[in-house]
Amino acid sequence: MTDILIVGAGPVGLTMAAELARYGVGVRLIDRAPHATETSKALVVWSRTLELMDRMGCTRAFLDAGLRAPGASIRSGGKVLGSPRLEGVASAYNFALMIPQCETERLLAAHLGAFGVEIERQVELVDFAETADGIDARVRHADGREETVRTPWLIGCDGAHSTVRHKLGIPFSGSAQGDDWLLADVRLEGPAAPPADEIATYLHRDGPFVVFPIPGGRARVIATVGKADAAHPRPEPTLDDVQALVDQRAGGGFRVSDPVWLTHFRINERKVADYRRGRAFLAGDAAHIHSPAGGQGMNTGMQDAVNLAWKLAMVVRGQASASLLDSYSPERSAVGELVLRNATRLTDMATLSNPAAQTARNLALRFLLGLHVVRDRMATQLSEIEIAYADSPLSLGHGAGARWEPAAYAGPPPGAGSEPRFVLYAADATRGAELIERFPGLLEPTRRSLPSGSDLIVVRPDGYIGLAARDGAWETAEQYLRALA
């Protein structure tokens, strides 16, 4: 019983499997679908996810395949209300990387394959039961053959209709937003088309109309098209429907053509309260789904995977106690709650139907987006570089839980390479070496220097500050690490 069983081979499951494999942990990745996603689906990879990809070792492939969007615009009635820009984000990746989900999955599958792991397609999780030291999972293959898989840990990355979540009986609390939305992947042509590297939102009295650039000269458009009625579903949209929305809500002046995907969808906003039960974990859409406003759903799920993978790897490799895993759910549940709340607010703002409220919104946006500080705040929030774990059981000291800025790495990103270890930053070389000698399984073998002072910082393998000890508090550092060992 050596392999961790991961259910679902979307971006989250692929990230989870690749990270565990990079750390030398055996995995099996199964998916009941016969092939990978063939449509664009999630389109944006944000700054923090790209930073985490640096330690994974696959950022370059994504940058080569994607389109860099340095900013966005919010428009109404032929006027630009504001243009948030990403160039000021404190990251080497100060842009939105536009890349279709089908490409994301292809690149992650290739990255996973470099570790010798293949996706097992048309293999479905049927049921599972936890035992004293693992989980017995029953899976069914395409030919009907069933197999019992013994695994120490089960990870559900199997989407909004997660079998893992259903079998655990964990409530998926929330509701559906009331509108039907149109989605179309098309080409845009004409002088009034938004720039090919800009995310453009048109606010209109009848509802929002949003354009996302896609590599290869294409674009995704989405728009509300009226209240949903489950008893009378809408027919699939046509290109003429899309053009009518362009003319009505974006002021015309450009044409849509060459559609490759036309559909309707509804927004669901749901989340579990706990991302773990016993030896089973949930990540990505299996744990949280929300409005596409902000484009943070896939990013949040991939960051779930990065968060859990290094912790599981350290436990499986015997470098840390199993109590390390207790931090996963509180950390990522808090982030999921934040993303869900922000996405709901953006959706509610964009879909206001009262004319007076729409006028007030547009005036407020025009004023606020004229302020440098507001535009910068919006960009920073979208980039996800301010995600932090201040209230985590792993965070100790003033500033703990915050992202350790890449400019301060003084070497490769923490957690890069084949072994997950915390990194010690300290000015005192002698005391640092002694601490590393006492905790060789937890700490990277080489102390990294701080620019000055007597502080010491312990940075987690995912690049967040675990311990921030002032004035050379070496005893505090020892107690912190002893609690993890």
Protein backbone atom coordinates (compact mmCIF):
# COMPACT_ATOMS: atom_id res chain seq x y z
CA MET A 1 0.00 0.00 0.00
CA THR A 2 2.27 2.80 -1.25
CA ASP A 3 0.31 4.83 -3.77
CA ILE A 4 -1.95 7.75 -2.89
CA LEU A 5 -5.17 7.55 -4.92
CA ILE A 6 -6.22 10.78 -6.63
CA VAL A 7 -9.66 10.91 -8.24
CA GLY A 8 -10.08 13.42 -11.07
CA ALA A 9 -7.51 14.42 -13.69
CA GLY A 10 -8.44 18.03 -14.27
CA PRO A 11 -5.98 20.84 -13.46
CA VAL A 12 -6.30 20.23 -9.71
CA GLY A 13 -5.77 16.48 -9.82
CA LEU A 14 -2.91 16.87 -12.28
CA THR A 15 -1.23 19.44 -10.05
CA MET A 16 -1.69 17.22 -7.01
CA ALA A 17 -0.27 14.16 -8.75
CA ALA A 18 2.68 16.05 -10.23
CA GLU A 19 3.64 17.64 -6.93
CA LEU A 20 3.48 14.34 -5.03
CA ALA A 21 5.43 12.58 -7.77
CA ARG A 22 8.07 15.33 -7.75
CA TYR A 23 8.59 14.61 -4.08
CA GLY A 24 8.99 10.90 -4.74
CA VAL A 25 5.56 9.83 -3.47
CA GLY A 26 3.75 7.10 -5.40
CA VAL A 27 0.40 8.10 -6.88
CA ARG A 28 -2.42 6.71 -8.97
CA LEU A 29 -4.48 9.25 -10.87
CA ILE A 30 -7.83 8.02 -12.19
CA ASP A 31 -10.56 9.73 -14.18
CA ARG A 32 -13.78 8.30 -15.49
CA ALA A 33 -13.72 10.49 -18.64
CA PRO A 34 -12.29 8.87 -21.80
CA HIS A 35 -10.19 11.93 -22.65
CA ALA A 36 -9.05 15.28 -21.31
CA THR A 37 -11.09 18.48 -21.53
CA GLU A 38 -11.46 19.63 -25.14
CA THR A 39 -12.94 23.09 -24.48
CA SER A 40 -11.48 26.29 -23.08
CA LYS A 41 -13.36 26.32 -19.73
CA ALA A 42 -11.13 28.10 -17.16
CA LEU A 43 -9.03 30.69 -18.98
CA VAL A 44 -6.78 32.57 -16.55
CA VAL A 45 -3.64 31.64 -14.65
CA TRP A 46 -2.85 34.34 -12.11
CA SER A 47 0.44 35.62 -10.70
CA ARG A 48 0.53 33.56 -7.52
CA THR A 49 -0.19 30.33 -9.37
CA LEU A 50 2.65 31.09 -11.78
CA GLU A 51 4.96 31.71 -8.82
CA LEU A 52 4.01 28.34 -7.38
CA MET A 53 4.67 26.78 -10.78
CA ASP A 54 8.26 28.01 -10.44
CA ARG A 55 8.83 25.46 -7.67
CA MET A 56 6.92 22.86 -9.67
CA GLY A 57 9.22 23.45 -12.64
CA CYS A 58 6.65 24.12 -15.37
CA THR A 59 6.20 27.90 -15.56
CA ARG A 60 8.14 28.29 -18.81
CA ALA A 61 5.85 25.93 -20.74
CA PHE A 62 2.80 27.93 -19.63
CA LEU A 63 4.34 31.29 -20.51
CA ASP A 64 5.21 30.00 -23.99
CA ALA A 65 1.66 28.75 -24.61
CA GLY A 66 -0.34 31.59 -23.05
CA LEU A 67 -1.24 35.18 -23.87
CA ARG A 68 -0.24 37.90 -21.42
CA ALA A 69 -3.01 40.35 -20.57
CA PRO A 70 -1.59 43.35 -18.69
CA GLY A 71 -4.93 44.80 -17.70
CA ALA A 72 -8.68 45.11 -18.00
CA SER A 73 -11.31 47.72 -18.77
CA ILE A 74 -14.78 48.39 -17.40
CA ARG A 75 -17.07 50.18 -19.85
CA SER A 76 -20.62 51.47 -20.00
CA GLY A 77 -22.53 53.45 -22.61
CA GLY A 78 -19.50 53.88 -24.84
CA LYS A 79 -17.36 55.24 -21.99
CA VAL A 80 -14.47 53.59 -20.17
CA LEU A 81 -15.24 53.77 -16.46
CA GLY A 82 -11.78 52.53 -15.49
CA SER A 83 -8.82 50.43 -16.57
CA PRO A 84 -7.21 48.38 -13.78
CA ARG A 85 -3.64 47.45 -14.72
CA LEU A 86 -1.50 44.57 -13.49
CA GLU A 87 1.96 45.99 -14.20
CA GLY A 88 2.23 47.27 -10.62
CA VAL A 89 1.65 43.85 -9.03
CA ALA A 90 4.70 42.90 -6.92
CA SER A 91 5.49 39.74 -8.86
CA ALA A 92 7.63 38.76 -11.81
CA TYR A 93 4.32 37.66 -13.35
CA ASN A 94 2.49 41.00 -13.33
CA PHE A 95 -0.15 40.02 -15.87
CA ALA A 96 -3.04 37.62 -16.35
CA LEU A 97 -1.88 34.62 -18.37
CA MET A 98 -4.75 33.72 -20.71
CA ILE A 99 -4.65 30.05 -21.61
CA PRO A 100 -7.54 27.63 -22.30
CA GLN A 101 -8.09 24.87 -19.77
CA CYS A 102 -7.58 22.23 -22.43
CA GLU A 103 -4.03 23.61 -22.88
CA THR A 104 -3.51 23.80 -19.12
CA GLU A 105 -4.42 20.13 -18.81
CA ARG A 106 -2.18 19.18 -21.73
CA LEU A 107 0.82 20.96 -20.22
CA LEU A 108 0.23 19.58 -16.73
CA ALA A 109 -0.20 16.04 -18.13
CA ALA A 110 3.13 16.38 -19.94
CA HIS A 111 4.74 17.66 -16.74
CA LEU A 112 3.30 14.71 -14.80
CA GLY A 113 4.47 12.30 -17.48
CA ALA A 114 8.04 13.45 -16.92
CA PHE A 115 7.81 11.74 -13.51
CA GLY A 116 6.64 8.52 -15.12
CA VAL A 117 2.98 8.86 -14.08
CA GLU A 118 0.19 8.24 -16.57
CA ILE A 119 -3.47 9.12 -16.18
CA GLU A 120 -5.72 6.05 -15.89
CA ARG A 121 -8.71 7.00 -18.05
CA GLN A 122 -12.18 5.46 -17.95
CA VAL A 123 -11.52 4.30 -14.41
CA GLU A 124 -14.29 5.28 -12.01
CA LEU A 125 -14.37 5.40 -8.22
CA VAL A 126 -17.39 3.35 -7.13
CA ASP A 127 -17.09 3.29 -3.36
CA PHE A 128 -14.58 3.34 -0.53
CA ALA A 129 -14.29 2.59 3.18
CA GLU A 130 -11.72 3.75 5.70
CA THR A 131 -9.79 1.20 7.75
CA ALA A 132 -7.40 1.59 10.68
CA ASP A 133 -4.42 2.36 8.47
CA GLY A 134 -5.80 3.36 5.08
CA ILE A 135 -8.70 3.31 2.67
CA ASP A 136 -10.11 0.45 0.59
CA ALA A 137 -11.39 1.97 -2.64
CA ARG A 138 -13.40 0.09 -5.24
CA VAL A 139 -12.83 1.28 -8.80
CA ARG A 140 -14.42 0.16 -12.07
CA HIS A 141 -12.58 -0.02 -15.39
CA ALA A 142 -14.04 0.60 -18.85
CA ASP A 143 -14.55 -3.13 -19.47
CA GLY A 144 -16.60 -3.48 -16.27
CA ARG A 145 -13.80 -5.08 -14.29
CA GLU A 146 -13.70 -3.94 -10.67
CA GLU A 147 -10.57 -3.56 -8.58
CA THR A 148 -9.99 -2.88 -4.89
CA VAL A 149 -7.26 -0.32 -4.34
CA ARG A 150 -5.58 -0.05 -0.96
CA THR A 151 -4.37 3.49 -0.39
CA PRO A 152 -3.11 5.37 2.66
CA TRP A 153 -4.85 8.58 1.56
CA LEU A 154 -7.65 9.39 -0.88
CA ILE A 155 -7.89 12.79 -2.56
CA GLY A 156 -11.06 13.93 -4.31
CA CYS A 157 -10.25 16.32 -7.15
CA ASP A 158 -13.32 15.14 -9.02
CA GLY A 159 -15.24 18.35 -9.54
CA ALA A 160 -18.56 19.82 -8.52
CA HIS A 161 -20.34 16.44 -8.65
CA SER A 162 -17.56 14.77 -6.62
CA THR A 163 -18.07 11.10 -5.87
CA VAL A 164 -15.61 11.39 -2.99
CA ARG A 165 -17.64 14.20 -1.41
CA HIS A 166 -20.94 12.36 -1.94
CA LYS A 167 -19.61 9.15 -0.41
CA LEU A 168 -18.26 11.07 2.58
CA GLY A 169 -21.68 12.65 3.05
CA ILE A 170 -20.23 16.16 3.33
CA PRO A 171 -22.82 18.89 2.62
CA PHE A 172 -22.10 21.20 -0.32
CA SER A 173 -23.80 24.29 1.03
CA GLY A 174 -24.85 27.23 -1.13
CA SER A 175 -27.20 28.12 -3.95
CA ALA A 176 -27.53 28.80 -7.66
CA GLN A 177 -27.43 32.36 -8.96
CA GLY A 178 -30.71 33.22 -10.69
CA ASP A 179 -29.59 34.02 -14.24
CA ASP A 180 -28.86 32.04 -17.35
CA TRP A 181 -25.54 32.99 -18.93
CA LEU A 182 -24.40 32.66 -22.53
CA LEU A 183 -20.85 31.56 -23.33
CA ALA A 184 -19.23 31.70 -26.77
CA ASP A 185 -15.66 31.15 -27.97
CA VAL A 186 -15.41 33.15 -31.19
CA ARG A 187 -13.30 35.51 -33.27
CA LEU A 188 -13.84 39.29 -33.04
CA GLU A 189 -13.30 41.58 -36.00
CA GLY A 190 -13.89 45.29 -36.37
CA PRO A 191 -12.53 48.67 -35.27
CA ALA A 192 -14.46 48.78 -32.01
CA ALA A 193 -13.36 45.34 -30.79
CA PRO A 194 -11.54 45.53 -27.45
CA PRO A 195 -7.74 45.12 -27.51
CA ALA A 196 -6.62 41.54 -28.07
CA ASP A 197 -4.75 41.49 -24.74
CA GLU A 198 -7.43 43.05 -22.53
CA ILE A 199 -10.24 41.66 -20.41
CA ALA A 200 -13.17 43.96 -21.25
CA THR A 201 -16.35 44.22 -19.19
CA TYR A 202 -19.36 46.12 -20.63
CA LEU A 203 -21.97 47.07 -18.04
CA HIS A 204 -25.43 47.48 -19.56
CA ARG A 205 -28.92 48.00 -18.22
CA ASP A 206 -29.89 44.51 -19.46
CA GLY A 207 -26.86 42.82 -17.90
CA PRO A 208 -23.08 42.48 -18.24
CA PHE A 209 -21.18 41.46 -21.37
CA VAL A 210 -17.56 40.34 -20.84
CA VAL A 211 -14.79 39.59 -23.35
CA PHE A 212 -11.75 37.49 -22.41
CA PRO A 213 -8.84 37.20 -24.88
CA ILE A 214 -7.66 33.71 -25.82
CA PRO A 215 -4.38 32.82 -27.55
CA GLY A 216 -4.63 32.33 -31.31
CA GLY A 217 -6.72 35.40 -32.03
CA ARG A 218 -9.87 34.13 -30.36
CA ALA A 219 -11.99 35.46 -27.52
CA ARG A 220 -14.47 34.19 -24.92
CA VAL A 221 -17.63 36.21 -24.44
CA ILE A 222 -20.10 35.69 -21.63
CA ALA A 223 -23.31 37.54 -20.84
CA THR A 224 -26.49 37.18 -18.83
CA VAL A 225 -29.50 36.35 -20.99
CA GLY A 226 -32.38 36.37 -18.51
CA LYS A 227 -33.69 34.55 -15.48
CA ALA A 228 -33.20 30.80 -15.39
CA ASP A 229 -36.20 28.52 -15.63
CA ALA A 230 -35.39 24.88 -14.92
CA ALA A 231 -38.73 23.77 -16.34
CA HIS A 232 -38.07 25.48 -19.66
CA PRO A 233 -34.36 25.33 -20.52
CA ARG A 234 -33.17 27.64 -23.28
CA PRO A 235 -32.17 26.28 -26.68
CA GLU A 236 -28.45 26.37 -27.39
CA PRO A 237 -27.31 29.86 -28.44
CA THR A 238 -26.46 30.77 -32.01
CA LEU A 239 -23.86 33.10 -33.48
CA ASP A 240 -26.69 35.53 -34.26
CA ASP A 241 -27.58 35.58 -30.55
CA VAL A 242 -23.99 36.51 -29.72
CA GLN A 243 -23.90 39.25 -32.36
CA ALA A 244 -27.13 40.69 -31.01
CA LEU A 245 -25.53 40.98 -27.58
CA VAL A 246 -22.45 42.66 -29.09
CA ASP A 247 -24.65 45.23 -30.83
CA GLN A 248 -26.88 45.83 -27.84
CA ARG A 249 -24.48 45.82 -24.89
CA ALA A 250 -21.05 46.60 -26.36
CA GLY A 251 -22.25 49.26 -28.77
CA GLY A 252 -21.56 47.26 -31.93
CA GLY A 253 -18.67 48.12 -34.20
CA PHE A 254 -17.31 44.60 -34.31
CA ARG A 255 -18.45 41.22 -35.61
CA VAL A 256 -18.27 37.74 -34.13
CA SER A 257 -17.41 34.75 -36.31
CA ASP A 258 -15.98 31.22 -36.35
CA PRO A 259 -17.58 29.85 -33.17
CA VAL A 260 -16.02 26.74 -31.61
CA TRP A 261 -18.13 26.62 -28.44
CA LEU A 262 -21.63 28.02 -27.83
CA THR A 263 -23.51 27.14 -24.68
CA HIS A 264 -25.55 28.35 -21.73
CA PHE A 265 -24.59 27.89 -18.10
CA ARG A 266 -25.71 28.80 -14.61
CA ILE A 267 -23.55 29.98 -11.74
CA ASN A 268 -23.53 27.88 -8.58
CA GLU A 269 -21.96 29.16 -5.38
CA ARG A 270 -21.26 26.31 -2.97
CA LYS A 271 -18.61 25.22 -0.50
CA VAL A 272 -17.95 22.48 2.02
CA ALA A 273 -17.23 23.39 5.63
CA ASP A 274 -14.35 20.91 5.98
CA TYR A 275 -11.90 19.85 3.28
CA ARG A 276 -10.92 16.68 5.13
CA ARG A 277 -12.59 13.72 6.75
CA GLY A 278 -10.25 11.12 8.17
CA ARG A 279 -7.93 9.89 5.43
CA ALA A 280 -9.89 11.53 2.63
CA PHE A 281 -9.38 15.08 1.34
CA LEU A 282 -11.25 17.36 -1.06
CA ALA A 283 -9.65 19.94 -3.36
CA GLY A 284 -10.76 22.25 -6.15
CA ASP A 285 -14.36 22.17 -7.36
CA ALA A 286 -15.05 19.16 -5.15
CA ALA A 287 -14.72 21.57 -2.22
CA HIS A 288 -15.78 24.96 -3.63
CA ILE A 289 -17.49 26.35 -6.72
CA HIS A 290 -18.37 29.95 -7.41
CA SER A 291 -18.96 32.62 -10.01
CA PRO A 292 -16.33 32.92 -12.77
CA ALA A 293 -16.05 36.62 -11.86
CA GLY A 294 -12.38 37.18 -11.13
CA GLY A 295 -11.39 33.95 -12.86
CA GLN A 296 -10.02 32.45 -9.66
CA GLY A 297 -11.74 29.06 -9.43
CA MET A 298 -9.09 26.92 -11.15
CA ASN A 299 -6.27 28.90 -9.53
CA THR A 300 -7.75 28.38 -6.09
CA GLY A 301 -8.05 24.65 -6.75
CA MET A 302 -4.48 24.33 -8.02
CA GLN A 303 -3.30 26.18 -4.93
CA ASP A 304 -5.32 23.73 -2.81
CA ALA A 305 -3.27 20.98 -4.45
CA VAL A 306 0.08 22.66 -3.85
CA ASN A 307 -0.84 23.27 -0.21
CA LEU A 308 -1.81 19.66 0.47
CA ALA A 309 0.86 17.95 -1.62
CA TRP A 310 3.93 19.09 0.31
CA LYS A 311 2.26 18.28 3.62
CA LEU A 312 1.25 14.79 2.52
CA ALA A 313 4.72 14.21 1.05
CA MET A 314 6.44 15.15 4.32
CA VAL A 315 4.13 12.86 6.29
CA VAL A 316 4.48 9.92 3.87
CA ARG A 317 8.26 10.33 3.75
CA GLY A 318 8.44 10.36 7.55
CA GLN A 319 9.78 13.91 7.71
CA ALA A 320 6.87 15.28 9.74
CA SER A 321 4.11 14.00 11.99
CA ALA A 322 0.60 13.40 10.66
CA SER A 323 -0.59 16.43 12.65
CA LEU A 324 0.85 18.58 9.84
CA LEU A 325 -2.18 17.56 7.76
CA ASP A 326 -4.52 19.21 10.27
CA SER A 327 -3.57 22.59 8.80
CA TYR A 328 -4.85 21.87 5.29
CA SER A 329 -8.58 22.34 5.82
CA PRO A 330 -8.49 25.50 7.97
CA GLU A 331 -5.99 27.17 5.64
CA ARG A 332 -7.68 26.40 2.37
CA SER A 333 -11.24 26.69 3.67
CA ALA A 334 -10.52 30.27 4.72
CA VAL A 335 -9.14 31.03 1.25
CA GLY A 336 -12.12 29.34 -0.41
CA GLU A 337 -14.48 31.44 1.70
CA LEU A 338 -12.68 34.63 0.68
CA VAL A 339 -12.70 33.79 -3.04
CA LEU A 340 -16.36 32.78 -2.90
CA ARG A 341 -17.30 36.02 -1.15
CA ASN A 342 -15.36 38.23 -3.57
CA ALA A 343 -16.72 36.44 -6.65
CA THR A 344 -20.28 36.77 -5.35
CA ARG A 345 -19.82 40.50 -4.76
CA LEU A 346 -18.45 41.05 -8.26
CA THR A 347 -21.33 39.09 -9.79
CA ASP A 348 -23.95 40.91 -7.74
CA MET A 349 -22.46 44.27 -8.72
CA ALA A 350 -22.37 43.40 -12.43
CA THR A 351 -25.93 42.04 -12.52
CA LEU A 352 -27.75 44.87 -10.76
CA SER A 353 -31.14 45.32 -12.44
CA ASN A 354 -32.50 48.45 -10.76
CA PRO A 355 -31.79 51.47 -13.03
CA ALA A 356 -31.06 53.79 -10.10
CA ALA A 357 -28.67 51.25 -8.59
CA GLN A 358 -26.97 50.81 -11.97
CA THR A 359 -26.44 54.57 -12.29
CA ALA A 360 -25.03 54.80 -8.77
CA ARG A 361 -22.74 51.82 -9.44
CA ASN A 362 -21.38 53.34 -12.64
CA LEU A 363 -20.73 56.71 -10.99
CA ALA A 364 -18.99 55.02 -8.07
CA LEU A 365 -16.85 52.86 -10.35
CA ARG A 366 -15.82 55.84 -12.45
CA PHE A 367 -14.73 57.71 -9.33
CA LEU A 368 -13.06 54.79 -7.55
CA LEU A 369 -11.26 53.46 -10.62
CA GLY A 370 -9.86 56.92 -11.13
CA LEU A 371 -7.91 56.44 -7.90
CA HIS A 372 -4.50 54.84 -8.25
CA VAL A 373 -4.80 53.06 -4.91
CA VAL A 374 -8.13 51.44 -5.84
CA ARG A 375 -6.83 50.19 -9.20
CA ASP A 376 -3.72 48.77 -7.53
CA ARG A 377 -5.81 47.09 -4.83
CA MET A 378 -8.05 45.46 -7.40
CA ALA A 379 -5.06 44.18 -9.38
CA THR A 380 -3.36 42.80 -6.27
CA GLN A 381 -6.53 40.99 -5.21
CA LEU A 382 -6.94 39.39 -8.63
CA SER A 383 -3.28 38.31 -8.73
CA GLU A 384 -3.74 36.33 -5.46
CA ILE A 385 -0.29 37.34 -4.17
CA GLU A 386 -1.86 38.56 -0.93
CA ILE A 387 -3.37 35.18 -0.04
CA ALA A 388 -2.04 34.42 3.43
CA TYR A 389 -2.46 32.01 6.33
CA ALA A 390 -2.22 34.31 9.36
CA ASP A 391 -4.66 32.17 11.39
CA SER A 392 -3.09 28.83 10.46
CA PRO A 393 -1.88 26.45 13.18
CA LEU A 394 1.43 26.55 11.27
CA SER A 395 1.81 30.34 11.63
CA LEU A 396 3.72 31.74 14.61
CA GLY A 397 4.96 35.29 15.07
CA HIS A 398 4.22 38.71 13.64
CA GLY A 399 3.95 38.45 9.85
CA ALA A 400 3.72 34.65 9.83
CA GLY A 401 1.40 33.20 7.21
CA ALA A 402 2.28 35.84 4.63
CA ARG A 403 3.86 35.09 1.26
CA TRP A 404 7.67 35.26 1.41
CA GLU A 405 8.43 37.52 -1.51
CA PRO A 406 10.37 35.82 -4.32
CA ALA A 407 12.88 38.71 -4.27
CA ALA A 408 13.98 37.48 -0.81
CA TYR A 409 14.45 33.80 -1.77
CA ALA A 410 18.29 34.03 -1.91
CA GLY A 411 18.28 30.82 -3.95
CA PRO A 412 15.73 28.56 -5.61
CA PRO A 413 12.10 28.79 -4.47
CA PRO A 414 11.46 27.03 -1.15
CA GLY A 415 10.06 23.60 -1.91
CA ALA A 416 11.75 23.31 -5.31
CA GLY A 417 13.62 20.10 -6.07
CA SER A 418 12.82 16.56 -5.01
CA GLU A 419 12.47 16.95 -1.23
CA PRO A 420 9.93 19.13 0.59
CA ARG A 421 11.66 21.01 3.39
CA PHE A 422 11.24 24.22 5.30
CA VAL A 423 13.91 26.85 4.70
CA LEU A 424 15.72 28.64 7.51
CA TYR A 425 16.61 32.29 6.97
CA ALA A 426 18.91 33.62 9.69
CA ALA A 427 21.84 35.97 10.13
CA ASP A 428 23.61 33.74 12.70
CA ALA A 429 25.37 31.03 10.70
CA THR A 430 26.51 29.01 13.73
CA ARG A 431 23.15 28.83 15.49
CA GLY A 432 21.47 28.19 12.14
CA ALA A 433 23.70 25.21 11.40
CA GLU A 434 23.01 23.77 14.87
CA LEU A 435 19.25 24.05 14.35
CA ILE A 436 19.44 22.39 10.95
CA GLU A 437 21.50 19.55 12.43
CA ARG A 438 18.80 18.91 15.04
CA PHE A 439 15.97 18.88 12.46
CA PRO A 440 17.47 17.48 9.23
CA GLY A 441 14.16 16.03 8.05
CA LEU A 442 12.32 19.33 8.36
CA LEU A 443 14.90 21.90 7.31
CA GLU A 444 16.76 22.40 4.05
CA PRO A 445 20.46 21.55 4.65
CA THR A 446 21.68 25.07 3.93
CA ARG A 447 20.81 28.16 5.93
CA ARG A 448 19.95 31.17 3.79
CA SER A 449 21.03 34.64 4.80
CA LEU A 450 18.89 37.51 5.91
CA PRO A 451 20.11 40.92 4.78
CA SER A 452 20.68 42.16 8.34
CA GLY A 453 19.56 41.93 11.94
CA SER A 454 19.15 39.00 14.30
CA ASP A 455 15.70 37.84 13.22
CA LEU A 456 15.09 34.34 11.95
CA ILE A 457 12.42 33.24 9.52
CA VAL A 458 11.25 29.71 8.72
CA VAL A 459 9.62 29.53 5.29
CA ARG A 460 7.36 26.66 4.31
CA PRO A 461 7.86 24.59 1.15
CA ASP A 462 5.03 26.53 -0.53
CA GLY A 463 6.75 29.88 0.06
CA TYR A 464 4.72 31.17 3.02
CA ILE A 465 6.24 32.26 6.33
CA GLY A 466 5.72 29.63 9.00
CA LEU A 467 7.70 31.19 11.83
CA ALA A 468 8.78 34.80 12.23
CA ALA A 469 10.98 35.00 15.35
CA ARG A 470 12.44 38.31 16.45
CA ASP A 471 15.73 39.00 18.17
CA GLY A 472 17.19 35.55 17.56
CA ALA A 473 14.52 33.58 19.40
CA TRP A 474 16.21 30.23 18.79
CA GLU A 475 14.34 28.46 21.56
CA THR A 476 11.04 29.50 19.95
CA ALA A 477 12.28 28.13 16.62
CA GLU A 478 13.22 24.83 18.22
CA GLN A 479 9.80 24.49 19.87
CA TYR A 480 8.09 25.33 16.56
CA LEU A 481 9.99 22.64 14.66
CA ARG A 482 9.67 20.06 17.43
CA ALA A 483 5.89 20.40 17.19
CA LEU A 484 6.06 19.49 13.49
CA ALA A 485 8.51 16.56 13.74
